[in-house]
Amino acid sequence: MNTALQPTTIEDWVYWAEKKFSAADLFYGHGTDNAIDEAVYLISHALNTDYGLTGYDPKETLSPKNNKSIQDLLQQRISTKKPAAYLVHEAWFCGLPFFVDERVLVPRSPIAELIHDEFQPWIARDKINSILEIGTGSGCIALSCAHYLDNTKVTAVDIDDGAIEVAKINVQRMNLQDRVSIIKSDVFESLADEKYDIIVSNPPYVSQQEYDGLPLEYKEEPVIGLTSGDDGLDCVTKILNQAAQHLNPHGILIVEVGNSQDALQRAFPKLPFMWLEFERGGEGVFLLERKHLTNL
C-alpha cells in the first residue's frame, strides 16, 4: 500500500476501497457480491475503461485527474449508499449494457439465463414469435429477448412513467424500435385482446415485512418496483388471473417471485407451479403453461 495518505495506483485504490467499504458496511447485490469487485467496477468507470482495466497497469502511478475521479466515485458509493449502477448510470444484464437511474430497479434476475438459452427447452423455438414483458422497468428483459431471439416481436409494459422513459432510452440505444414496443399499462389493462407466445415478468413481489428489513442500498430503488401489497402478491395475483386470456394455446408464463415463493404456493395451492433451476444461481422463478391457468 502506498504510504501517502492519498492512494495513487489502482492497486492502492482497491485496497483503500476494500477497507472503507467494509467500515461503511456497504451491501452488494446489484451486480457484484464483494468489495473488491465493486471497487474495480467503479474504478473502471472513473478511468473510462472496461472492467479488465485495459490500458492501465494496476501498479503504475495515476495522474492527479484520474486519482480525483476515482476518489470522488468511491466516496459517493460510501456516502450515499446508492447502488454502483446508479452512480455510473449503467448495469449489465444478459451480457448487454443498459442505461439505468433511480427511476428503475437495477437489473438483476435469473431470467437472463432463460433468455440467453432462448427459453429452451420450455417452448419450441419456432413458436416464439411474440413476447410480452410485464413490469419492464429499464426494459432489460424485453430488450434482451429481442436481441437474442431474432424476428420476435416484443411488447413491454409498465405502470410507471419514469420507467417508461428509461425503457425508451434503452430501446433507442439498442436500435430495436422496429421490434420492441413500450406501452404504459397496469398489467394487461391497455392490451385489449392481444395474445402472446411467452409472457414473462419480474414484477414487484417483496412483502412489506421483507422490505422493512432490506439493506439501505435497496431503499434507494423505487418502491413501486419492489413492493406490491402487504404480502407482495398483488401484482403476481393479477397476472395469474388474467394471463390465460393473453396467451396463445402453446404459450407459457414465466414469473419471478423470489422469497415470496412459499406465500404464492399457499395462495394458489392447486396451481402446478414448475420452479425453475439455474446453472448460474437464482431461484423463485416459476413456469406455467396456458392450460394450467384456464380454470382460475
C-alpha atoms as a PDB file:
ATOM      1  CA  MET A   1       0.000   0.000   0.000  1.00  0.00           C
ATOM      2  CA  ASN A   2       1.243   3.481  -0.846  1.00  0.00           C
ATOM      3  CA  THR A   3       2.409   5.187   2.340  1.00  0.00           C
ATOM      4  CA  ALA A   4       0.913   8.531   1.301  1.00  0.00           C
ATOM      5  CA  LEU A   5      -2.493   9.499   2.642  1.00  0.00           C
ATOM      6  CA  GLN A   6      -3.826   9.572  -0.899  1.00  0.00           C
ATOM      7  CA  PRO A   7      -3.674   6.343  -2.942  1.00  0.00           C
ATOM      8  CA  THR A   8      -2.007   6.850  -6.315  1.00  0.00           C
ATOM      9  CA  THR A   9      -2.338   3.492  -8.107  1.00  0.00           C
ATOM     10  CA  ILE A  10      -5.245   1.222  -8.977  1.00  0.00           C
ATOM     11  CA  GLU A  11      -3.858  -1.385  -6.608  1.00  0.00           C
ATOM     12  CA  ASP A  12      -3.785   1.176  -3.808  1.00  0.00           C
ATOM     13  CA  TRP A  13      -7.317   2.340  -4.552  1.00  0.00           C
ATOM     14  CA  VAL A  14      -8.706  -1.214  -4.480  1.00  0.00           C
ATOM     15  CA  TYR A  15      -7.074  -1.801  -1.105  1.00  0.00           C
ATOM     16  CA  TRP A  16      -8.369   1.569   0.153  1.00  0.00           C
ATOM     17  CA  ALA A  17     -11.893   0.857  -1.095  1.00  0.00           C
ATOM     18  CA  GLU A  18     -11.987  -2.602   0.443  1.00  0.00           C
ATOM     19  CA  LYS A  19     -11.231  -1.155   3.883  1.00  0.00           C
ATOM     20  CA  LYS A  20     -13.549   1.862   3.534  1.00  0.00           C
ATOM     21  CA  PHE A  21     -16.431  -0.170   2.089  1.00  0.00           C
ATOM     22  CA  SER A  22     -16.152  -2.645   4.948  1.00  0.00           C
ATOM     23  CA  ALA A  23     -16.113   0.132   7.543  1.00  0.00           C
ATOM     24  CA  ALA A  24     -19.196   1.684   5.909  1.00  0.00           C
ATOM     25  CA  ASP A  25     -20.995  -1.691   5.987  1.00  0.00           C
ATOM     26  CA  LEU A  26     -21.951  -1.484   2.330  1.00  0.00           C
ATOM     27  CA  PHE A  27     -24.182  -4.168   0.837  1.00  0.00           C
ATOM     28  CA  TYR A  28     -23.527  -5.817  -2.525  1.00  0.00           C
ATOM     29  CA  GLY A  29     -26.396  -7.214  -4.539  1.00  0.00           C
ATOM     30  CA  HIS A  30     -26.710  -5.068  -7.629  1.00  0.00           C
ATOM     31  CA  GLY A  31     -24.148  -6.606  -9.949  1.00  0.00           C
ATOM     32  CA  THR A  32     -21.304  -7.575  -7.632  1.00  0.00           C
ATOM     33  CA  ASP A  33     -21.131  -9.556  -4.406  1.00  0.00           C
ATOM     34  CA  ASN A  34     -17.958  -8.275  -2.723  1.00  0.00           C
ATOM     35  CA  ALA A  35     -15.998  -5.094  -2.025  1.00  0.00           C
ATOM     36  CA  ILE A  36     -13.110  -5.771  -4.408  1.00  0.00           C
ATOM     37  CA  ASP A  37     -15.301  -6.424  -7.450  1.00  0.00           C
ATOM     38  CA  GLU A  38     -17.396  -3.370  -6.575  1.00  0.00           C
ATOM     39  CA  ALA A  39     -14.271  -1.218  -6.317  1.00  0.00           C
ATOM     40  CA  VAL A  40     -12.870  -2.438  -9.640  1.00  0.00           C
ATOM     41  CA  TYR A  41     -16.234  -1.823 -11.307  1.00  0.00           C
ATOM     42  CA  LEU A  42     -16.310   1.779 -10.098  1.00  0.00           C
ATOM     43  CA  ILE A  43     -12.616   2.399 -10.810  1.00  0.00           C
ATOM     44  CA  SER A  44     -13.038   1.169 -14.387  1.00  0.00           C
ATOM     45  CA  HIS A  45     -15.802   3.724 -14.915  1.00  0.00           C
ATOM     46  CA  ALA A  46     -13.798   6.507 -13.308  1.00  0.00           C
ATOM     47  CA  LEU A  47     -10.973   5.727 -15.751  1.00  0.00           C
ATOM     48  CA  ASN A  48     -13.373   5.334 -18.687  1.00  0.00           C
ATOM     49  CA  THR A  49     -12.154   1.828 -19.467  1.00  0.00           C
ATOM     50  CA  ASP A  50     -13.529  -1.705 -19.260  1.00  0.00           C
ATOM     51  CA  TYR A  51     -13.780  -3.983 -16.242  1.00  0.00           C
ATOM     52  CA  GLY A  52     -10.441  -5.524 -17.204  1.00  0.00           C
ATOM     53  CA  LEU A  53      -8.865  -2.048 -16.815  1.00  0.00           C
ATOM     54  CA  THR A  54      -7.469  -2.162 -20.333  1.00  0.00           C
ATOM     55  CA  GLY A  55      -4.716   0.379 -20.850  1.00  0.00           C
ATOM     56  CA  TYR A  56      -3.732   0.611 -17.201  1.00  0.00           C
ATOM     57  CA  ASP A  57      -1.096  -1.080 -15.071  1.00  0.00           C
ATOM     58  CA  PRO A  58      -2.530  -1.568 -11.551  1.00  0.00           C
ATOM     59  CA  LYS A  59       0.875  -0.688 -10.041  1.00  0.00           C
ATOM     60  CA  GLU A  60       1.569   2.461 -12.077  1.00  0.00           C
ATOM     61  CA  THR A  61       1.052   5.906 -10.596  1.00  0.00           C
ATOM     62  CA  LEU A  62      -2.089   7.565 -11.932  1.00  0.00           C
ATOM     63  CA  SER A  63      -2.487  11.198 -12.927  1.00  0.00           C
ATOM     64  CA  PRO A  64      -3.945  13.624 -10.353  1.00  0.00           C
ATOM     65  CA  LYS A  65      -7.077  13.904 -12.503  1.00  0.00           C
ATOM     66  CA  ASN A  66      -7.603  10.125 -12.553  1.00  0.00           C
ATOM     67  CA  ASN A  67      -6.973   9.856  -8.824  1.00  0.00           C
ATOM     68  CA  LYS A  68      -9.576  12.522  -8.141  1.00  0.00           C
ATOM     69  CA  SER A  69     -12.130  10.820 -10.427  1.00  0.00           C
ATOM     70  CA  ILE A  70     -11.630   7.533  -8.612  1.00  0.00           C
ATOM     71  CA  GLN A  71     -11.825   9.079  -5.156  1.00  0.00           C
ATOM     72  CA  ASP A  72     -14.984  11.026  -5.989  1.00  0.00           C
ATOM     73  CA  LEU A  73     -16.795   7.939  -7.282  1.00  0.00           C
ATOM     74  CA  LEU A  74     -15.720   5.634  -4.464  1.00  0.00           C
ATOM     75  CA  GLN A  75     -16.653   8.264  -1.896  1.00  0.00           C
ATOM     76  CA  GLN A  76     -20.091   8.657  -3.473  1.00  0.00           C
ATOM     77  CA  ARG A  77     -20.676   4.933  -3.042  1.00  0.00           C
ATOM     78  CA  ILE A  78     -19.800   5.225   0.639  1.00  0.00           C
ATOM     79  CA  SER A  79     -21.679   8.402   1.483  1.00  0.00           C
ATOM     80  CA  THR A  80     -24.889   7.845  -0.480  1.00  0.00           C
ATOM     81  CA  LYS A  81     -25.286   4.042  -0.146  1.00  0.00           C
ATOM     82  CA  LYS A  82     -26.607   4.152  -3.711  1.00  0.00           C
ATOM     83  CA  PRO A  83     -26.042   1.027  -5.821  1.00  0.00           C
ATOM     84  CA  ALA A  84     -22.986   1.485  -8.053  1.00  0.00           C
ATOM     85  CA  ALA A  85     -25.161   1.243 -11.164  1.00  0.00           C
ATOM     86  CA  TYR A  86     -26.929   4.489 -10.236  1.00  0.00           C
ATOM     87  CA  LEU A  87     -23.627   6.286  -9.828  1.00  0.00           C
ATOM     88  CA  VAL A  88     -22.366   5.312 -13.288  1.00  0.00           C
ATOM     89  CA  HIS A  89     -25.794   5.008 -14.989  1.00  0.00           C
ATOM     90  CA  GLU A  90     -25.043   1.572 -16.347  1.00  0.00           C
ATOM     91  CA  ALA A  91     -25.953  -2.000 -15.491  1.00  0.00           C
ATOM     92  CA  TRP A  92     -25.248  -5.226 -17.356  1.00  0.00           C
ATOM     93  CA  PHE A  93     -27.955  -7.820 -17.950  1.00  0.00           C
ATOM     94  CA  CYS A  94     -27.778 -10.886 -20.159  1.00  0.00           C
ATOM     95  CA  GLY A  95     -24.368  -9.751 -21.387  1.00  0.00           C
ATOM     96  CA  LEU A  96     -25.720  -6.365 -22.522  1.00  0.00           C
ATOM     97  CA  PRO A  97     -25.249  -2.847 -21.096  1.00  0.00           C
ATOM     98  CA  PHE A  98     -28.330  -0.838 -20.088  1.00  0.00           C
ATOM     99  CA  PHE A  99     -28.807   2.755 -19.037  1.00  0.00           C
ATOM    100  CA  VAL A 100     -30.274   2.952 -15.536  1.00  0.00           C
ATOM    101  CA  ASP A 101     -31.052   5.617 -12.970  1.00  0.00           C
ATOM    102  CA  GLU A 102     -33.156   5.933  -9.826  1.00  0.00           C
ATOM    103  CA  ARG A 103     -36.398   5.663 -11.827  1.00  0.00           C
ATOM    104  CA  VAL A 104     -35.910   1.903 -12.268  1.00  0.00           C
ATOM    105  CA  LEU A 105     -34.610  -1.109 -10.385  1.00  0.00           C
ATOM    106  CA  VAL A 106     -31.051  -2.152 -11.083  1.00  0.00           C
ATOM    107  CA  PRO A 107     -31.397  -5.147 -13.482  1.00  0.00           C
ATOM    108  CA  ARG A 108     -30.837  -8.483 -11.782  1.00  0.00           C
ATOM    109  CA  SER A 109     -32.765 -11.658 -12.457  1.00  0.00           C
ATOM    110  CA  PRO A 110     -32.011 -15.310 -13.192  1.00  0.00           C
ATOM    111  CA  ILE A 111     -34.453 -14.923 -16.078  1.00  0.00           C
ATOM    112  CA  ALA A 112     -31.406 -13.699 -18.015  1.00  0.00           C
ATOM    113  CA  GLU A 113     -30.258 -17.308 -18.240  1.00  0.00           C
ATOM    114  CA  LEU A 114     -33.562 -18.351 -19.830  1.00  0.00           C
ATOM    115  CA  ILE A 115     -33.320 -15.568 -22.381  1.00  0.00           C
ATOM    116  CA  HIS A 116     -29.740 -16.446 -23.280  1.00  0.00           C
ATOM    117  CA  ASP A 117     -30.876 -20.056 -23.812  1.00  0.00           C
ATOM    118  CA  GLU A 118     -33.830 -18.845 -25.949  1.00  0.00           C
ATOM    119  CA  PHE A 119     -36.287 -20.307 -23.418  1.00  0.00           C
ATOM    120  CA  GLN A 120     -35.241 -23.811 -24.344  1.00  0.00           C
ATOM    121  CA  PRO A 121     -36.460 -26.485 -23.675  1.00  0.00           C
ATOM    122  CA  TRP A 122     -39.704 -24.959 -22.392  1.00  0.00           C
ATOM    123  CA  ILE A 123     -41.210 -23.893 -25.729  1.00  0.00           C
ATOM    124  CA  ALA A 124     -40.398 -24.781 -29.336  1.00  0.00           C
ATOM    125  CA  ARG A 125     -38.078 -22.134 -30.770  1.00  0.00           C
ATOM    126  CA  ASP A 126     -40.100 -21.801 -33.982  1.00  0.00           C
ATOM    127  CA  LYS A 127     -43.192 -20.942 -31.906  1.00  0.00           C
ATOM    128  CA  ILE A 128     -41.648 -17.903 -30.232  1.00  0.00           C
ATOM    129  CA  ASN A 129     -42.953 -15.072 -32.374  1.00  0.00           C
ATOM    130  CA  SER A 130     -44.352 -12.718 -29.743  1.00  0.00           C
ATOM    131  CA  ILE A 131     -43.332 -11.954 -26.161  1.00  0.00           C
ATOM    132  CA  LEU A 132     -44.917  -9.749 -23.525  1.00  0.00           C
ATOM    133  CA  GLU A 133     -42.935  -8.464 -20.559  1.00  0.00           C
ATOM    134  CA  ILE A 134     -44.909  -7.105 -17.611  1.00  0.00           C
ATOM    135  CA  GLY A 135     -43.221  -4.509 -15.399  1.00  0.00           C
ATOM    136  CA  THR A 136     -40.372  -3.769 -17.744  1.00  0.00           C
ATOM    137  CA  GLY A 137     -38.531  -1.113 -15.718  1.00  0.00           C
ATOM    138  CA  SER A 138     -35.325  -0.418 -17.653  1.00  0.00           C
ATOM    139  CA  GLY A 139     -36.517  -2.700 -20.449  1.00  0.00           C
ATOM    140  CA  CYS A 140     -33.690  -5.161 -19.801  1.00  0.00           C
ATOM    141  CA  ILE A 141     -35.750  -8.358 -20.105  1.00  0.00           C
ATOM    142  CA  ALA A 142     -37.756  -7.213 -23.123  1.00  0.00           C
ATOM    143  CA  LEU A 143     -34.738  -5.875 -24.992  1.00  0.00           C
ATOM    144  CA  SER A 144     -32.612  -8.911 -24.200  1.00  0.00           C
ATOM    145  CA  CYS A 145     -35.395 -11.096 -25.594  1.00  0.00           C
ATOM    146  CA  ALA A 146     -35.414  -9.069 -28.801  1.00  0.00           C
ATOM    147  CA  HIS A 147     -31.613  -9.164 -29.012  1.00  0.00           C
ATOM    148  CA  TYR A 148     -31.276 -12.928 -28.656  1.00  0.00           C
ATOM    149  CA  LEU A 149     -34.455 -14.030 -30.441  1.00  0.00           C
ATOM    150  CA  ASP A 150     -34.307 -12.675 -33.966  1.00  0.00           C
ATOM    151  CA  ASN A 151     -37.598 -11.762 -35.665  1.00  0.00           C
ATOM    152  CA  THR A 152     -39.534 -11.947 -32.395  1.00  0.00           C
ATOM    153  CA  LYS A 153     -41.868  -9.042 -31.641  1.00  0.00           C
ATOM    154  CA  VAL A 154     -41.710  -7.889 -28.028  1.00  0.00           C
ATOM    155  CA  THR A 155     -44.189  -5.754 -26.091  1.00  0.00           C
ATOM    156  CA  ALA A 156     -43.096  -4.299 -22.768  1.00  0.00           C
ATOM    157  CA  VAL A 157     -45.494  -2.689 -20.294  1.00  0.00           C
ATOM    158  CA  ASP A 158     -45.049  -0.721 -17.100  1.00  0.00           C
ATOM    159  CA  ILE A 159     -47.384   1.399 -14.997  1.00  0.00           C
ATOM    160  CA  ASP A 160     -44.738   3.982 -14.077  1.00  0.00           C
ATOM    161  CA  ASP A 161     -43.971   6.960 -16.333  1.00  0.00           C
ATOM    162  CA  GLY A 162     -40.351   7.163 -15.178  1.00  0.00           C
ATOM    163  CA  ALA A 163     -39.724   3.523 -16.016  1.00  0.00           C
ATOM    164  CA  ILE A 164     -41.324   4.005 -19.434  1.00  0.00           C
ATOM    165  CA  GLU A 165     -38.909   6.878 -20.124  1.00  0.00           C
ATOM    166  CA  VAL A 166     -35.864   4.813 -19.169  1.00  0.00           C
ATOM    167  CA  ALA A 167     -37.029   1.809 -21.196  1.00  0.00           C
ATOM    168  CA  LYS A 168     -37.459   4.023 -24.268  1.00  0.00           C
ATOM    169  CA  ILE A 169     -33.910   5.342 -23.825  1.00  0.00           C
ATOM    170  CA  ASN A 170     -32.626   1.771 -23.966  1.00  0.00           C
ATOM    171  CA  VAL A 171     -34.789   0.910 -26.976  1.00  0.00           C
ATOM    172  CA  GLN A 172     -33.193   3.794 -28.860  1.00  0.00           C
ATOM    173  CA  ARG A 173     -29.669   2.896 -27.715  1.00  0.00           C
ATOM    174  CA  MET A 174     -30.083  -0.688 -28.900  1.00  0.00           C
ATOM    175  CA  ASN A 175     -31.856   0.359 -32.104  1.00  0.00           C
ATOM    176  CA  LEU A 176     -34.724  -2.072 -31.521  1.00  0.00           C
ATOM    177  CA  GLN A 177     -37.626   0.286 -32.213  1.00  0.00           C
ATOM    178  CA  ASP A 178     -38.879  -1.955 -35.018  1.00  0.00           C
ATOM    179  CA  ARG A 179     -39.372  -4.976 -32.775  1.00  0.00           C
ATOM    180  CA  VAL A 180     -39.931  -3.632 -29.263  1.00  0.00           C
ATOM    181  CA  SER A 181     -42.993  -1.627 -28.215  1.00  0.00           C
ATOM    182  CA  ILE A 182     -43.082   0.134 -24.841  1.00  0.00           C
ATOM    183  CA  ILE A 183     -46.608   0.705 -23.530  1.00  0.00           C
ATOM    184  CA  LYS A 184     -47.949   2.235 -20.328  1.00  0.00           C
ATOM    185  CA  SER A 185     -50.265  -0.336 -18.805  1.00  0.00           C
ATOM    186  CA  ASP A 186     -51.332  -1.698 -15.447  1.00  0.00           C
ATOM    187  CA  VAL A 187     -50.505  -5.339 -16.245  1.00  0.00           C
ATOM    188  CA  PHE A 188     -52.869  -6.259 -19.147  1.00  0.00           C
ATOM    189  CA  GLU A 189     -55.147  -3.212 -18.928  1.00  0.00           C
ATOM    190  CA  SER A 190     -54.033  -1.465 -22.155  1.00  0.00           C
ATOM    191  CA  LEU A 191     -53.519  -4.610 -24.259  1.00  0.00           C
ATOM    192  CA  ALA A 192     -57.111  -5.305 -25.372  1.00  0.00           C
ATOM    193  CA  ASP A 193     -57.289  -8.929 -26.537  1.00  0.00           C
ATOM    194  CA  GLU A 194     -53.658  -9.282 -27.673  1.00  0.00           C
ATOM    195  CA  LYS A 195     -52.126 -12.749 -27.261  1.00  0.00           C
ATOM    196  CA  TYR A 196     -48.506 -13.835 -26.925  1.00  0.00           C
ATOM    197  CA  ASP A 197     -46.356 -16.958 -27.083  1.00  0.00           C
ATOM    198  CA  ILE A 198     -44.480 -16.038 -23.895  1.00  0.00           C
ATOM    199  CA  ILE A 199     -45.460 -13.763 -21.037  1.00  0.00           C
ATOM    200  CA  VAL A 200     -42.503 -13.050 -18.781  1.00  0.00           C
ATOM    201  CA  SER A 201     -42.320 -10.862 -15.718  1.00  0.00           C
ATOM    202  CA  ASN A 202     -40.104  -9.847 -12.822  1.00  0.00           C
ATOM    203  CA  PRO A 203     -42.858  -7.870 -11.066  1.00  0.00           C
ATOM    204  CA  PRO A 204     -42.826  -6.251  -7.627  1.00  0.00           C
ATOM    205  CA  TYR A 205     -43.109  -9.124  -5.154  1.00  0.00           C
ATOM    206  CA  VAL A 206     -41.414  -8.070  -1.914  1.00  0.00           C
ATOM    207  CA  SER A 207     -43.632  -8.236   1.180  1.00  0.00           C
ATOM    208  CA  GLN A 208     -43.794  -5.191   3.439  1.00  0.00           C
ATOM    209  CA  GLN A 209     -42.068  -7.104   6.217  1.00  0.00           C
ATOM    210  CA  GLU A 210     -39.222  -8.150   3.932  1.00  0.00           C
ATOM    211  CA  TYR A 211     -38.895  -4.623   2.544  1.00  0.00           C
ATOM    212  CA  ASP A 212     -38.577  -3.126   6.023  1.00  0.00           C
ATOM    213  CA  GLY A 213     -35.567  -5.355   6.659  1.00  0.00           C
ATOM    214  CA  LEU A 214     -33.724  -4.701   3.377  1.00  0.00           C
ATOM    215  CA  PRO A 215     -30.263  -3.037   3.337  1.00  0.00           C
ATOM    216  CA  LEU A 216     -30.124   0.693   2.595  1.00  0.00           C
ATOM    217  CA  GLU A 217     -28.978   0.083  -0.985  1.00  0.00           C
ATOM    218  CA  TYR A 218     -32.390  -1.382  -1.835  1.00  0.00           C
ATOM    219  CA  LYS A 219     -34.177   1.580  -0.244  1.00  0.00           C
ATOM    220  CA  GLU A 220     -32.531   3.745  -2.944  1.00  0.00           C
ATOM    221  CA  GLU A 221     -34.569   1.865  -5.573  1.00  0.00           C
ATOM    222  CA  PRO A 222     -38.156   2.825  -6.475  1.00  0.00           C
ATOM    223  CA  VAL A 223     -40.581   1.244  -4.009  1.00  0.00           C
ATOM    224  CA  ILE A 224     -43.099   0.690  -6.807  1.00  0.00           C
ATOM    225  CA  GLY A 225     -40.691  -1.796  -8.369  1.00  0.00           C
ATOM    226  CA  LEU A 226     -40.265  -3.809  -5.188  1.00  0.00           C
ATOM    227  CA  THR A 227     -43.450  -3.999  -3.095  1.00  0.00           C
ATOM    228  CA  SER A 228     -46.964  -4.996  -4.090  1.00  0.00           C
ATOM    229  CA  GLY A 229     -49.322  -5.213  -1.123  1.00  0.00           C
ATOM    230  CA  ASP A 230     -48.554  -6.435   2.378  1.00  0.00           C
ATOM    231  CA  ASP A 231     -47.713  -9.966   1.195  1.00  0.00           C
ATOM    232  CA  GLY A 232     -46.054  -8.866  -2.049  1.00  0.00           C
ATOM    233  CA  LEU A 233     -48.514 -10.829  -4.175  1.00  0.00           C
ATOM    234  CA  ASP A 234     -50.922  -8.181  -5.521  1.00  0.00           C
ATOM    235  CA  CYS A 235     -49.288  -7.847  -8.946  1.00  0.00           C
ATOM    236  CA  VAL A 236     -48.489 -11.544  -9.301  1.00  0.00           C
ATOM    237  CA  THR A 237     -52.103 -12.446  -8.482  1.00  0.00           C
ATOM    238  CA  LYS A 238     -53.355 -10.072 -11.162  1.00  0.00           C
ATOM    239  CA  ILE A 239     -51.008 -11.663 -13.696  1.00  0.00           C
ATOM    240  CA  LEU A 240     -52.125 -15.188 -12.813  1.00  0.00           C
ATOM    241  CA  ASN A 241     -55.810 -14.326 -13.004  1.00  0.00           C
ATOM    242  CA  GLN A 242     -55.577 -12.779 -16.477  1.00  0.00           C
ATOM    243  CA  ALA A 243     -52.655 -14.481 -18.213  1.00  0.00           C
ATOM    244  CA  ALA A 244     -54.700 -17.242 -19.906  1.00  0.00           C
ATOM    245  CA  GLN A 245     -56.642 -14.615 -21.858  1.00  0.00           C
ATOM    246  CA  HIS A 246     -53.400 -13.272 -23.322  1.00  0.00           C
ATOM    247  CA  LEU A 247     -51.514 -16.487 -24.095  1.00  0.00           C
ATOM    248  CA  ASN A 248     -51.635 -18.441 -27.339  1.00  0.00           C
ATOM    249  CA  PRO A 249     -52.638 -22.117 -26.914  1.00  0.00           C
ATOM    250  CA  HIS A 250     -48.999 -23.251 -26.750  1.00  0.00           C
ATOM    251  CA  GLY A 251     -47.976 -20.256 -24.658  1.00  0.00           C
ATOM    252  CA  ILE A 252     -46.110 -20.191 -21.361  1.00  0.00           C
ATOM    253  CA  LEU A 253     -45.986 -17.827 -18.399  1.00  0.00           C
ATOM    254  CA  ILE A 254     -42.688 -17.207 -16.570  1.00  0.00           C
ATOM    255  CA  VAL A 255     -42.651 -15.069 -13.434  1.00  0.00           C
ATOM    256  CA  GLU A 256     -40.055 -14.323 -10.771  1.00  0.00           C
ATOM    257  CA  VAL A 257     -41.374 -14.085  -7.204  1.00  0.00           C
ATOM    258  CA  GLY A 258     -38.189 -14.533  -5.188  1.00  0.00           C
ATOM    259  CA  ASN A 259     -38.710 -15.037  -1.478  1.00  0.00           C
ATOM    260  CA  SER A 260     -42.494 -14.858  -1.909  1.00  0.00           C
ATOM    261  CA  GLN A 261     -42.457 -18.374  -3.402  1.00  0.00           C
ATOM    262  CA  ASP A 262     -43.918 -20.046  -0.314  1.00  0.00           C
ATOM    263  CA  ALA A 263     -46.612 -17.397   0.125  1.00  0.00           C
ATOM    264  CA  LEU A 264     -47.624 -17.770  -3.516  1.00  0.00           C
ATOM    265  CA  GLN A 265     -47.933 -21.534  -3.244  1.00  0.00           C
ATOM    266  CA  ARG A 266     -50.144 -21.116  -0.183  1.00  0.00           C
ATOM    267  CA  ALA A 267     -52.316 -18.617  -2.049  1.00  0.00           C
ATOM    268  CA  PHE A 268     -52.676 -20.866  -5.121  1.00  0.00           C
ATOM    269  CA  PRO A 269     -52.398 -24.435  -3.785  1.00  0.00           C
ATOM    270  CA  LYS A 270     -53.990 -26.003  -6.876  1.00  0.00           C
ATOM    271  CA  LEU A 271     -51.629 -24.471  -9.427  1.00  0.00           C
ATOM    272  CA  PRO A 272     -48.850 -26.861 -10.575  1.00  0.00           C
ATOM    273  CA  PHE A 273     -46.008 -24.343 -10.368  1.00  0.00           C
ATOM    274  CA  MET A 274     -42.813 -25.546 -12.022  1.00  0.00           C
ATOM    275  CA  TRP A 275     -39.958 -23.911 -10.123  1.00  0.00           C
ATOM    276  CA  LEU A 276     -37.015 -23.481 -12.457  1.00  0.00           C
ATOM    277  CA  GLU A 277     -33.389 -24.189 -11.607  1.00  0.00           C
ATOM    278  CA  PHE A 278     -30.492 -22.100 -12.872  1.00  0.00           C
ATOM    279  CA  GLU A 279     -26.890 -23.061 -13.514  1.00  0.00           C
ATOM    280  CA  ARG A 280     -25.670 -19.589 -12.597  1.00  0.00           C
ATOM    281  CA  GLY A 281     -27.751 -19.275  -9.431  1.00  0.00           C
ATOM    282  CA  GLY A 282     -31.115 -17.832  -8.565  1.00  0.00           C
ATOM    283  CA  GLU A 283     -34.483 -19.165  -7.505  1.00  0.00           C
ATOM    284  CA  GLY A 284     -38.119 -18.226  -7.068  1.00  0.00           C
ATOM    285  CA  VAL A 285     -38.985 -18.290 -10.789  1.00  0.00           C
ATOM    286  CA  PHE A 286     -41.990 -20.357 -11.879  1.00  0.00           C
ATOM    287  CA  LEU A 287     -43.292 -21.553 -15.223  1.00  0.00           C
ATOM    288  CA  LEU A 288     -46.890 -22.399 -16.070  1.00  0.00           C
ATOM    289  CA  GLU A 289     -48.465 -23.457 -19.356  1.00  0.00           C
ATOM    290  CA  ARG A 290     -51.661 -21.810 -20.576  1.00  0.00           C
ATOM    291  CA  LYS A 291     -53.711 -24.910 -19.836  1.00  0.00           C
ATOM    292  CA  HIS A 292     -52.806 -24.595 -16.150  1.00  0.00           C
ATOM    293  CA  LEU A 293     -54.313 -21.109 -15.987  1.00  0.00           C
ATOM    294  CA  THR A 294     -57.643 -21.532 -17.756  1.00  0.00           C
ATOM    295  CA  ASN A 295     -59.641 -22.558 -14.670  1.00  0.00           C
ATOM    296  CA  LEU A 296     -58.579 -19.770 -12.330  1.00  0.00           C
END
